[in-house]
Protein backbone atom coordinates (compact mmCIF):
# COMPACT_ATOMS: atom_id res chain seq x y z
CA MET A 1 57.42 3.96 -0.82
CA LEU A 2 54.31 2.77 -2.82
CA LYS A 3 55.60 -0.50 -2.95
CA SER A 4 55.67 -0.98 0.67
CA ALA A 5 52.01 0.73 1.09
CA LEU A 6 50.59 -2.09 -1.22
CA ALA A 7 52.70 -5.03 0.62
CA VAL A 8 51.14 -3.80 3.99
CA ALA A 9 47.80 -3.31 2.51
CA ALA A 10 48.21 -6.74 0.92
CA ILE A 11 49.25 -8.13 4.59
CA ALA A 12 46.25 -6.42 6.13
CA ALA A 13 43.71 -7.99 3.92
CA VAL A 14 45.24 -11.59 3.87
CA LEU A 15 45.16 -11.12 7.79
CA VAL A 16 41.61 -9.59 7.73
CA PHE A 17 40.20 -12.59 5.16
CA GLY A 18 42.22 -15.05 7.30
CA ALA A 19 40.54 -14.00 10.58
CA PHE A 20 37.25 -13.93 8.83
CA ALA A 21 37.76 -17.55 7.60
CA ILE A 22 38.57 -18.51 11.01
CA TYR A 23 35.10 -17.06 12.26
CA ALA A 24 33.31 -18.51 9.08
CA TYR A 25 34.45 -22.10 9.97
CA ARG A 26 31.74 -24.85 11.03
CA SER A 27 33.54 -28.32 11.41
CA PRO A 28 31.24 -31.08 9.83
CA ILE A 29 29.24 -33.33 11.74
CA ALA A 30 30.27 -36.95 11.16
CA PRO A 31 27.54 -38.82 9.06
CA LEU A 32 25.02 -41.26 10.47
CA SER A 33 24.44 -44.84 9.30
CA ALA A 34 21.09 -45.92 8.52
CA ALA A 35 21.40 -48.43 11.50
CA ALA A 36 22.44 -45.82 13.65
CA HIS A 37 19.22 -43.89 13.02
CA PRO A 38 16.86 -43.07 16.10
CA LYS A 39 13.43 -44.63 16.15
CA PHE A 40 10.27 -42.26 16.07
CA SER A 41 6.74 -42.87 17.71
CA PRO A 42 3.76 -42.25 15.03
CA GLU A 43 2.90 -39.21 17.20
CA VAL A 44 5.79 -37.39 16.63
CA ILE A 45 6.14 -38.58 12.96
CA GLU A 46 2.35 -37.04 12.22
CA LYS A 47 3.44 -33.64 14.14
CA GLY A 48 6.43 -33.52 11.68
CA ARG A 49 4.25 -34.01 8.98
CA ILE A 50 1.70 -31.59 9.84
CA LEU A 51 4.88 -28.85 10.47
CA ALA A 52 6.59 -29.58 7.31
CA SER A 53 3.07 -28.66 5.64
CA ALA A 54 2.96 -25.51 7.43
CA GLY A 55 6.66 -24.81 6.52
CA TYR A 56 5.90 -25.64 2.89
CA CYS A 57 8.96 -27.73 2.71
CA ALA A 58 7.47 -30.04 -0.47
CA THR A 59 6.71 -26.98 -1.93
CA CYS A 60 10.00 -25.41 -2.19
CA HIS A 61 12.03 -28.73 -2.39
CA THR A 62 10.05 -30.39 -5.17
CA GLU A 63 10.59 -29.22 -8.67
CA GLN A 64 7.44 -29.38 -11.12
CA GLY A 65 6.86 -32.89 -12.16
CA GLY A 66 9.46 -34.30 -9.60
CA LYS A 67 9.33 -36.41 -6.69
CA PRO A 68 8.19 -35.03 -3.40
CA TYR A 69 11.40 -33.50 -1.30
CA ALA A 70 13.94 -34.48 -4.05
CA GLY A 71 14.86 -31.13 -4.73
CA ASN A 72 15.94 -28.77 -7.77
CA TYR A 73 13.13 -26.67 -7.61
CA PRO A 74 14.81 -23.09 -8.97
CA LEU A 75 14.36 -20.27 -6.79
CA ASN A 76 15.01 -16.97 -9.06
CA THR A 77 16.91 -14.40 -7.05
CA GLY A 78 18.52 -11.11 -8.12
CA PHE A 79 22.17 -12.91 -8.20
CA GLY A 80 20.94 -15.90 -9.87
CA THR A 81 19.08 -19.11 -9.69
CA ILE A 82 19.25 -21.20 -6.42
CA TYR A 83 18.15 -24.89 -6.60
CA ALA A 84 16.55 -26.48 -3.86
CA SER A 85 18.48 -29.39 -2.41
CA ASN A 86 17.16 -32.84 -1.78
CA ILE A 87 15.97 -33.47 1.55
CA THR A 88 14.94 -36.86 0.86
CA PRO A 89 16.52 -39.81 3.13
CA ASP A 90 18.78 -40.82 0.03
CA PRO A 91 22.23 -41.35 1.61
CA GLU A 92 24.14 -40.01 -1.33
CA THR A 93 22.22 -36.93 -2.93
CA GLY A 94 19.97 -36.41 -0.02
CA ILE A 95 20.20 -36.09 3.95
CA GLY A 96 19.46 -39.99 4.39
CA ASP A 97 23.08 -39.74 6.53
CA TRP A 98 22.22 -36.87 8.65
CA SER A 99 21.62 -36.95 12.44
CA PRO A 100 19.30 -34.86 14.28
CA GLU A 101 21.95 -32.80 15.64
CA ALA A 102 23.03 -32.19 11.60
CA PHE A 103 19.57 -31.17 10.81
CA ARG A 104 18.81 -29.22 13.89
CA ARG A 105 22.01 -27.05 12.97
CA ALA A 106 21.12 -26.12 9.57
CA MET A 107 17.62 -25.66 10.74
CA HIS A 108 18.60 -23.34 13.32
CA ASP A 109 22.32 -21.98 12.24
CA GLY A 110 21.90 -22.14 8.34
CA ILE A 111 25.01 -24.57 8.37
CA SER A 112 25.13 -27.99 6.50
CA ARG A 113 26.16 -31.20 7.62
CA ASP A 114 29.38 -30.84 6.00
CA GLY A 115 30.03 -27.67 7.59
CA SER A 116 29.20 -24.94 4.62
CA HIS A 117 26.88 -21.92 4.83
CA LEU A 118 23.55 -22.50 3.55
CA PHE A 119 22.19 -19.39 1.30
CA PRO A 120 19.56 -17.82 2.76
CA ALA A 121 17.38 -18.58 0.07
CA PHE A 122 16.46 -21.48 2.52
CA PRO A 123 14.95 -19.49 5.33
CA PHE A 124 16.67 -20.35 8.64
CA ASP A 125 16.62 -17.04 9.64
CA HIS A 126 12.94 -17.70 10.41
CA PHE A 127 13.25 -21.44 11.36
CA THR A 128 15.90 -20.34 14.24
CA LEU A 129 13.02 -19.54 15.96
CA MET A 130 11.99 -23.01 16.48
CA SER A 131 12.10 -25.61 19.28
CA ASP A 132 14.33 -28.48 19.54
CA GLU A 133 11.04 -30.61 19.53
CA ASP A 134 9.56 -29.12 16.62
CA VAL A 135 12.38 -29.36 14.24
CA ASP A 136 13.20 -33.12 15.48
CA ALA A 137 9.60 -33.90 14.53
CA ILE A 138 10.16 -32.76 11.05
CA TYR A 139 13.24 -34.73 10.97
CA ALA A 140 11.20 -37.60 12.30
CA TYR A 141 8.97 -37.57 9.60
CA LEU A 142 11.62 -36.85 6.73
CA MET A 143 13.45 -40.05 7.65
CA SER A 144 10.53 -42.27 8.15
CA GLU A 145 7.91 -41.27 6.00
CA VAL A 146 9.40 -39.96 2.81
CA LYS A 147 10.79 -42.09 0.01
CA PRO A 148 14.57 -41.55 -0.45
CA VAL A 149 15.13 -39.88 -3.96
CA LYS A 150 18.54 -40.69 -5.77
CA LEU A 151 18.81 -37.26 -7.48
CA ALA A 152 21.87 -34.85 -7.48
CA THR A 153 21.10 -31.29 -6.91
CA LYS A 154 21.65 -29.00 -10.04
CA SER A 155 24.23 -26.33 -9.65
CA ASN A 156 23.51 -22.85 -8.68
CA THR A 157 23.76 -20.03 -11.16
CA ILE A 158 25.34 -17.44 -8.84
CA PRO A 159 28.54 -15.79 -10.33
CA PHE A 160 31.89 -15.84 -8.42
CA PRO A 161 32.75 -14.38 -5.99
CA LEU A 162 29.05 -14.27 -4.36
CA ASN A 163 28.95 -18.32 -4.84
CA MET A 164 31.39 -18.92 -2.24
CA ARG A 165 29.33 -19.85 0.74
CA ILE A 166 32.09 -18.53 3.28
CA TRP A 167 30.48 -15.09 2.72
CA GLN A 168 27.03 -16.02 3.97
CA ALA A 169 28.89 -16.01 7.45
CA GLY A 170 29.05 -12.36 6.87
CA TRP A 171 25.66 -11.85 5.70
CA GLN A 172 24.58 -14.01 8.84
CA LEU A 173 26.45 -11.71 11.11
CA LEU A 174 24.87 -8.56 9.55
CA PHE A 175 21.22 -9.52 9.40
CA VAL A 176 19.79 -12.85 11.54
CA ASP A 177 19.00 -12.95 15.00
CA PHE A 178 19.90 -16.21 15.76
CA GLY A 179 18.26 -17.82 18.56
CA ARG A 180 14.42 -19.34 19.79
CA PHE A 181 11.19 -17.79 19.94
CA LYS A 182 10.96 -15.89 23.13
CA PRO A 183 7.19 -15.29 24.18
CA ASN A 184 6.15 -11.67 25.14
CA PRO A 185 4.86 -11.99 28.55
CA GLN A 186 2.40 -8.78 27.51
CA LYS A 187 0.54 -10.59 25.47
CA SER A 188 -2.04 -14.18 25.55
CA GLU A 189 -0.91 -17.38 25.40
CA GLN A 190 -3.08 -17.29 21.65
CA TRP A 191 -0.96 -14.24 20.61
CA ASN A 192 2.13 -16.09 21.01
CA ARG A 193 1.10 -19.11 19.83
CA GLY A 194 0.62 -17.46 16.37
CA ALA A 195 3.86 -15.34 16.74
CA TYR A 196 5.71 -18.68 16.94
CA LEU A 197 4.09 -20.01 14.05
CA VAL A 198 4.24 -16.90 11.76
CA GLU A 199 7.86 -15.49 12.54
CA GLY A 200 9.08 -19.36 12.49
CA ILE A 201 7.56 -22.62 10.72
CA THR A 202 5.09 -20.68 8.30
CA HIS A 203 7.85 -17.60 7.68
CA CYS A 204 5.13 -15.33 6.57
CA GLY A 205 7.75 -12.37 6.13
CA ALA A 206 9.72 -14.28 3.91
CA CYS A 207 7.36 -13.31 0.80
CA HIS A 208 5.42 -10.36 2.52
CA THR A 209 8.46 -8.37 3.76
CA PRO A 210 10.41 -6.34 1.35
CA ARG A 211 14.11 -7.27 0.86
CA ASN A 212 17.33 -4.86 0.59
CA ILE A 213 20.07 -4.79 -1.90
CA LEU A 214 21.92 -7.96 -0.18
CA GLY A 215 18.30 -9.88 -0.04
CA ALA A 216 17.81 -9.77 3.43
CA GLU A 217 14.35 -8.79 4.90
CA LYS A 218 13.78 -5.09 5.70
CA LYS A 219 12.94 -5.43 9.46
CA SER A 220 11.82 -1.95 9.36
CA ARG A 221 9.37 -2.83 7.16
CA GLU A 222 8.18 -6.25 8.42
CA PHE A 223 5.18 -7.52 6.37
CA ALA A 224 4.55 -4.42 4.40
CA GLY A 225 4.23 -6.53 1.05
CA ALA A 226 6.40 -7.60 -1.48
CA SER A 227 6.73 -9.11 -4.96
CA ILE A 228 7.23 -12.94 -5.39
CA ASP A 229 7.27 -14.96 -8.60
CA GLU A 230 5.79 -11.83 -10.34
CA TRP A 231 2.88 -12.09 -7.82
CA ILE A 232 2.16 -9.23 -5.10
CA ALA A 233 2.37 -10.53 -1.62
CA PRO A 234 0.11 -7.70 -0.34
CA ALA A 235 0.88 -6.07 3.09
CA LEU A 236 -0.15 -7.84 6.37
CA THR A 237 -0.48 -4.45 8.28
CA ALA A 238 -2.66 -1.66 8.39
CA ALA A 239 -1.22 -0.59 5.01
CA ASN A 240 -2.92 -3.28 3.21
CA PRO A 241 -5.22 -1.20 0.62
CA SER A 242 -8.49 -3.62 1.06
CA ALA A 243 -11.67 -1.84 1.39
CA VAL A 244 -12.18 -3.78 4.20
CA PRO A 245 -9.72 -4.06 6.91
CA TRP A 246 -7.99 -7.55 7.81
CA THR A 247 -9.27 -8.75 11.32
CA ALA A 248 -8.20 -11.75 13.08
CA SER A 249 -11.40 -13.83 12.42
CA GLU A 250 -11.09 -12.89 8.35
CA PHE A 251 -7.34 -13.97 8.62
CA THR A 252 -8.40 -17.32 9.99
CA ARG A 253 -10.87 -17.91 7.96
CA TYR A 254 -8.93 -17.42 5.01
CA LEU A 255 -6.33 -19.52 6.04
CA GLN A 256 -8.96 -22.42 6.63
CA THR A 257 -10.98 -22.33 3.50
CA GLY A 258 -8.64 -20.23 1.06
CA ALA A 259 -10.75 -17.43 0.60
CA GLY A 260 -12.07 -14.62 2.53
CA VAL A 261 -15.42 -13.05 1.39
CA TYR A 262 -14.48 -9.65 1.53
CA HIS A 263 -11.09 -9.81 0.51
CA GLY A 264 -10.36 -12.48 -2.27
CA ILE A 265 -8.81 -16.22 -2.85
CA ALA A 266 -5.61 -17.92 -2.35
CA ALA A 267 -4.09 -18.07 -5.80
CA GLY A 268 -0.72 -18.30 -7.44
CA PRO A 269 2.00 -18.85 -5.15
CA MET A 270 -0.31 -18.57 -1.77
CA ALA A 271 -2.22 -21.26 -3.52
CA PRO A 272 -0.11 -24.20 -1.92
CA VAL A 273 0.75 -22.16 1.16
CA VAL A 274 -2.76 -22.57 2.12
CA HIS A 275 -4.40 -25.66 0.60
CA ALA A 276 -1.01 -27.75 0.86
CA GLY A 277 0.68 -26.07 3.86
CA ILE A 278 -0.85 -24.01 6.59
CA GLY A 279 -4.08 -25.54 6.27
CA GLU A 280 -2.43 -28.79 7.76
CA LEU A 281 -2.36 -27.06 10.93
CA PRO A 282 -5.17 -27.84 13.82
CA GLU A 283 -8.15 -25.30 14.03
CA SER A 284 -6.53 -23.86 17.48
CA ASP A 285 -3.30 -22.74 15.70
CA LEU A 286 -4.96 -21.42 12.67
CA VAL A 287 -7.13 -19.01 15.05
CA ALA A 288 -3.65 -18.18 16.83
CA ILE A 289 -2.04 -17.09 13.64
CA GLY A 290 -5.29 -15.23 12.83
CA THR A 291 -5.00 -13.24 16.47
CA TYR A 292 -1.38 -12.39 15.90
CA LEU A 293 -1.70 -10.94 12.38
CA GLY A 294 -4.80 -9.23 13.41
CA ASP A 295 -3.23 -7.57 16.11
CA ILE A 296 -0.47 -6.29 13.81
CA VAL A 297 -3.13 -4.64 11.73
CA GLY A 298 -5.08 -3.11 14.55
CA ALA A 299 -8.35 -3.14 13.34
CA PRO A 300 -11.59 -4.12 15.36
CA ASP A 301 -13.48 -7.31 14.71
CA THR A 302 -16.57 -5.57 13.07
CA ASN A 303 -18.95 -6.60 10.46
CA PRO A 304 -17.83 -5.97 7.40
CA ALA A 305 -21.42 -5.63 5.55
CA ASP A 306 -21.57 -2.51 7.89
CA ASN A 307 -18.85 -0.85 5.90
CA PRO A 308 -19.81 1.63 3.95
CA LEU A 309 -17.43 0.75 0.79
CA VAL A 310 -18.93 -2.59 0.77
CA ILE A 311 -22.36 -1.26 0.56
CA ALA A 312 -21.84 1.35 -2.12
CA SER A 313 -19.93 -1.57 -4.01
CA LEU A 314 -23.15 -3.58 -3.61
CA LYS A 315 -25.14 -0.34 -5.40
CA ALA A 316 -23.20 0.01 -7.69
CA GLY A 317 -22.92 -3.40 -9.10
CA LYS A 318 -26.79 -3.71 -9.70
CA PRO A 319 -27.37 -3.80 -13.12
CA ASP A 320 -29.20 -0.98 -15.23
CA PRO A 321 -29.64 0.32 -18.60
CA ALA A 322 -26.40 2.27 -18.69
CA TYR A 323 -24.40 -0.86 -17.40
CA ARG A 324 -22.64 -1.32 -21.13
CA LYS A 325 -21.84 2.15 -22.08
CA ASP A 326 -18.14 1.33 -22.52
CA LEU A 327 -16.14 -1.75 -23.35
CA GLY A 328 -14.85 -2.79 -19.76
CA GLU A 329 -18.51 -2.21 -18.37
CA ARG A 330 -19.69 -4.42 -21.58
CA LEU A 331 -16.98 -7.08 -21.05
CA TYR A 332 -17.41 -7.40 -17.35
CA ALA A 333 -21.33 -7.64 -17.86
CA THR A 334 -20.86 -10.67 -20.25
CA ALA A 335 -17.69 -12.48 -18.88
CA CYS A 336 -17.94 -11.65 -14.99
CA ALA A 337 -20.91 -10.42 -13.82
CA ALA A 338 -22.85 -13.74 -13.70
CA CYS A 339 -20.79 -15.06 -11.32
CA HIS A 340 -19.53 -12.05 -9.27
CA TYR A 341 -22.84 -9.94 -8.93
CA ASN A 342 -24.28 -9.97 -5.15
CA SER A 343 -27.66 -8.34 -4.72
CA LYS A 344 -27.79 -7.39 -0.80
CA GLU A 345 -24.87 -8.91 0.71
CA VAL A 346 -21.40 -10.29 -0.44
CA MET A 347 -21.75 -14.00 -0.82
CA GLU A 348 -18.96 -16.57 -0.19
CA GLY A 349 -17.93 -17.89 -3.54
CA ARG A 350 -18.96 -14.90 -5.11
CA PRO A 351 -16.57 -12.09 -4.49
CA ASP A 352 -17.01 -8.60 -5.11
CA LEU A 353 -14.50 -7.61 -7.25
CA ALA A 354 -14.63 -3.85 -6.24
CA ILE A 355 -13.33 -4.48 -2.48
CA ASN A 356 -11.35 -7.61 -3.58
CA SER A 357 -7.66 -7.39 -2.45
CA ALA A 358 -6.43 -7.58 -6.15
CA THR A 359 -8.41 -4.84 -7.51
CA ARG A 360 -6.71 -2.33 -4.77
CA LEU A 361 -3.07 -2.87 -4.82
CA ASP A 362 -0.92 -0.54 -6.32
CA LYS A 363 -0.06 -3.19 -9.23
CA PRO A 364 -2.62 -4.91 -11.13
CA ASP A 365 -0.66 -8.18 -11.61
CA ASN A 366 -2.83 -10.53 -9.28
CA LEU A 367 -5.94 -9.21 -10.88
CA ILE A 368 -4.27 -9.91 -14.39
CA HIS A 369 -3.09 -13.13 -13.43
CA VAL A 370 -6.55 -14.57 -12.09
CA ILE A 371 -8.21 -13.06 -15.10
CA LEU A 372 -5.61 -14.66 -17.74
CA ASP A 373 -5.36 -18.47 -15.92
CA GLY A 374 -8.59 -18.58 -13.81
CA VAL A 375 -8.79 -20.47 -10.32
CA SER A 376 -8.15 -24.21 -10.31
CA SER A 377 -9.94 -26.63 -8.06
CA ASP A 378 -6.49 -26.54 -5.79
CA GLU A 379 -6.63 -22.92 -5.14
CA GLY A 380 -9.37 -20.62 -3.63
CA SER A 381 -12.37 -22.19 -2.05
CA LYS A 382 -12.88 -25.86 -2.10
CA GLY A 383 -15.34 -26.81 -4.91
CA ILE A 384 -15.24 -23.32 -6.73
CA VAL A 385 -13.37 -22.53 -10.04
CA MET A 386 -12.90 -19.93 -12.28
CA PRO A 387 -12.47 -20.38 -16.12
CA ALA A 388 -9.36 -18.96 -17.58
CA PHE A 389 -9.81 -16.20 -20.29
CA ARG A 390 -6.23 -16.38 -21.45
CA HIS A 391 -7.33 -17.72 -24.81
CA ALA A 392 -10.90 -16.09 -24.91
CA LEU A 393 -9.80 -12.36 -24.06
CA SER A 394 -7.27 -10.13 -26.07
CA ASN A 395 -5.00 -8.02 -23.86
CA GLU A 396 -7.15 -4.88 -24.81
CA GLN A 397 -9.94 -6.81 -23.39
CA ILE A 398 -8.71 -7.77 -20.29
CA ALA A 399 -6.79 -4.42 -19.79
CA ALA A 400 -10.49 -2.67 -20.26
CA ILE A 401 -11.99 -5.03 -17.54
CA ALA A 402 -9.39 -4.21 -15.26
CA ALA A 403 -9.58 -0.67 -15.54
CA TYR A 404 -13.18 -0.35 -15.41
CA LEU A 405 -12.87 -2.56 -11.96
CA ARG A 406 -10.18 -0.02 -10.84
CA ASP A 407 -11.64 3.27 -11.85
CA LYS A 408 -15.17 2.80 -11.97
CA ARG A 409 -16.05 0.47 -9.46
CA ALA A 410 -13.47 0.89 -6.91
CA GLU A 411 -12.80 4.61 -7.29
CA LEU A 412 -8.96 4.06 -7.31
CA LYS A 413 -6.09 5.95 -9.39
CA PRO A 414 -6.11 4.11 -12.34
CA TRP A 415 -3.29 1.74 -13.29
CA PRO A 416 -0.68 3.04 -16.06
CA ASP A 417 -0.10 0.93 -18.80
CA LEU A 418 -2.51 -1.83 -18.69
CA THR A 419 -2.46 -3.36 -21.68
CA GLU A 420 1.43 -3.55 -21.92
CA ARG A 421 1.38 -5.22 -18.19
CA VAL A 422 -1.30 -7.99 -19.41
CA ALA A 423 0.79 -8.71 -22.61
CA SER A 424 3.82 -8.88 -20.35
CA ILE A 425 2.35 -11.00 -18.15
CA ARG A 426 0.97 -13.29 -20.55
CA ASP A 427 3.91 -14.17 -22.43
CA GLU A 428 6.11 -14.83 -19.09
CA HIS A 429 3.56 -17.29 -17.99
CA ALA A 430 2.59 -19.03 -21.84
CA GLY A 431 2.18 -22.50 -21.76
CA LYS A 432 2.40 -22.83 -17.67
């Protein structure tokens, strides 16, 4: 009896897997010879370059010190490391033999030219919203302007059986809403343009939305903030802990300049997003993105200088004889105040750290990163740099400054175990 039951179960399992395999199967698309590649106008190629920048294609498809778009950038997931593929027009190791149809299928459906399913480290769940015209423009740029590089992609470290790409068909079925972007008729043209860009090519939610146990974005918590590359991607909603609520104009300014007067700078993983990515979009698109994100936050576009917290922070930052009464204040006065002191108003390029986003997050990681490694010329505001204190201050001293800013200046609940967290981040990024 038991053997019969097991046999039936085994047969049922085989039938179910067979049915799933049929469902998951995607036929390969024939390779395209170099001579058969279509020709593109300079206008289309330039449009593709801008869109590829806005989608951070080079950022994710270029390993450190490697050639642009040649792949092997490591994406560390909870399941193992996935290495980004070579998307140069090399016909052997890149996508040089891909047709526009094959490229479009990869972007829209997460299916490679050979019919295999792509891992969702590639954000096809966002790119599926893009128009054929925009996807084709990116293809035109990659095929026309990017130099082919013969470089094989490293093997991923995802263990068996999770490395079987067939399972991605089930993941897609559970978590992806395939299809092009549909405008909201109740919203303005500018709002819809911003939504198209944010939800599609710029895929902001890929970093700013927390993920479930299977690595899919939690749609019920869209833009609620998440951890990415040991940094915190803050919430893009009203839940953002900033002292001054983000508004449409503040979002636009931040994307244009890499810094917000009342919020902070684009550092860490966000630096290339702004300076080598979204910043390439025309001003009208940046305004549209600001409009869409500002509507999500829902804050009125009022003058931040009138915010009571800003006024209080400026007052608290004024030097007085008791300013150096403890270690954190003394260190801040000698190492930080010269550049971060504001008198009557917060000046661009001189961020007030009590209202800075990094000081007001639930975790101190972003503030610690910046104190340790500073702000380079390709981060934050153009032409403004901040020295690194990795070799000048100890873990205890950096923790003291962070504690002072959090407790005395921002008047928020202290961060626990600060010294240990500084030590951990210092060790994790030593030599980088």
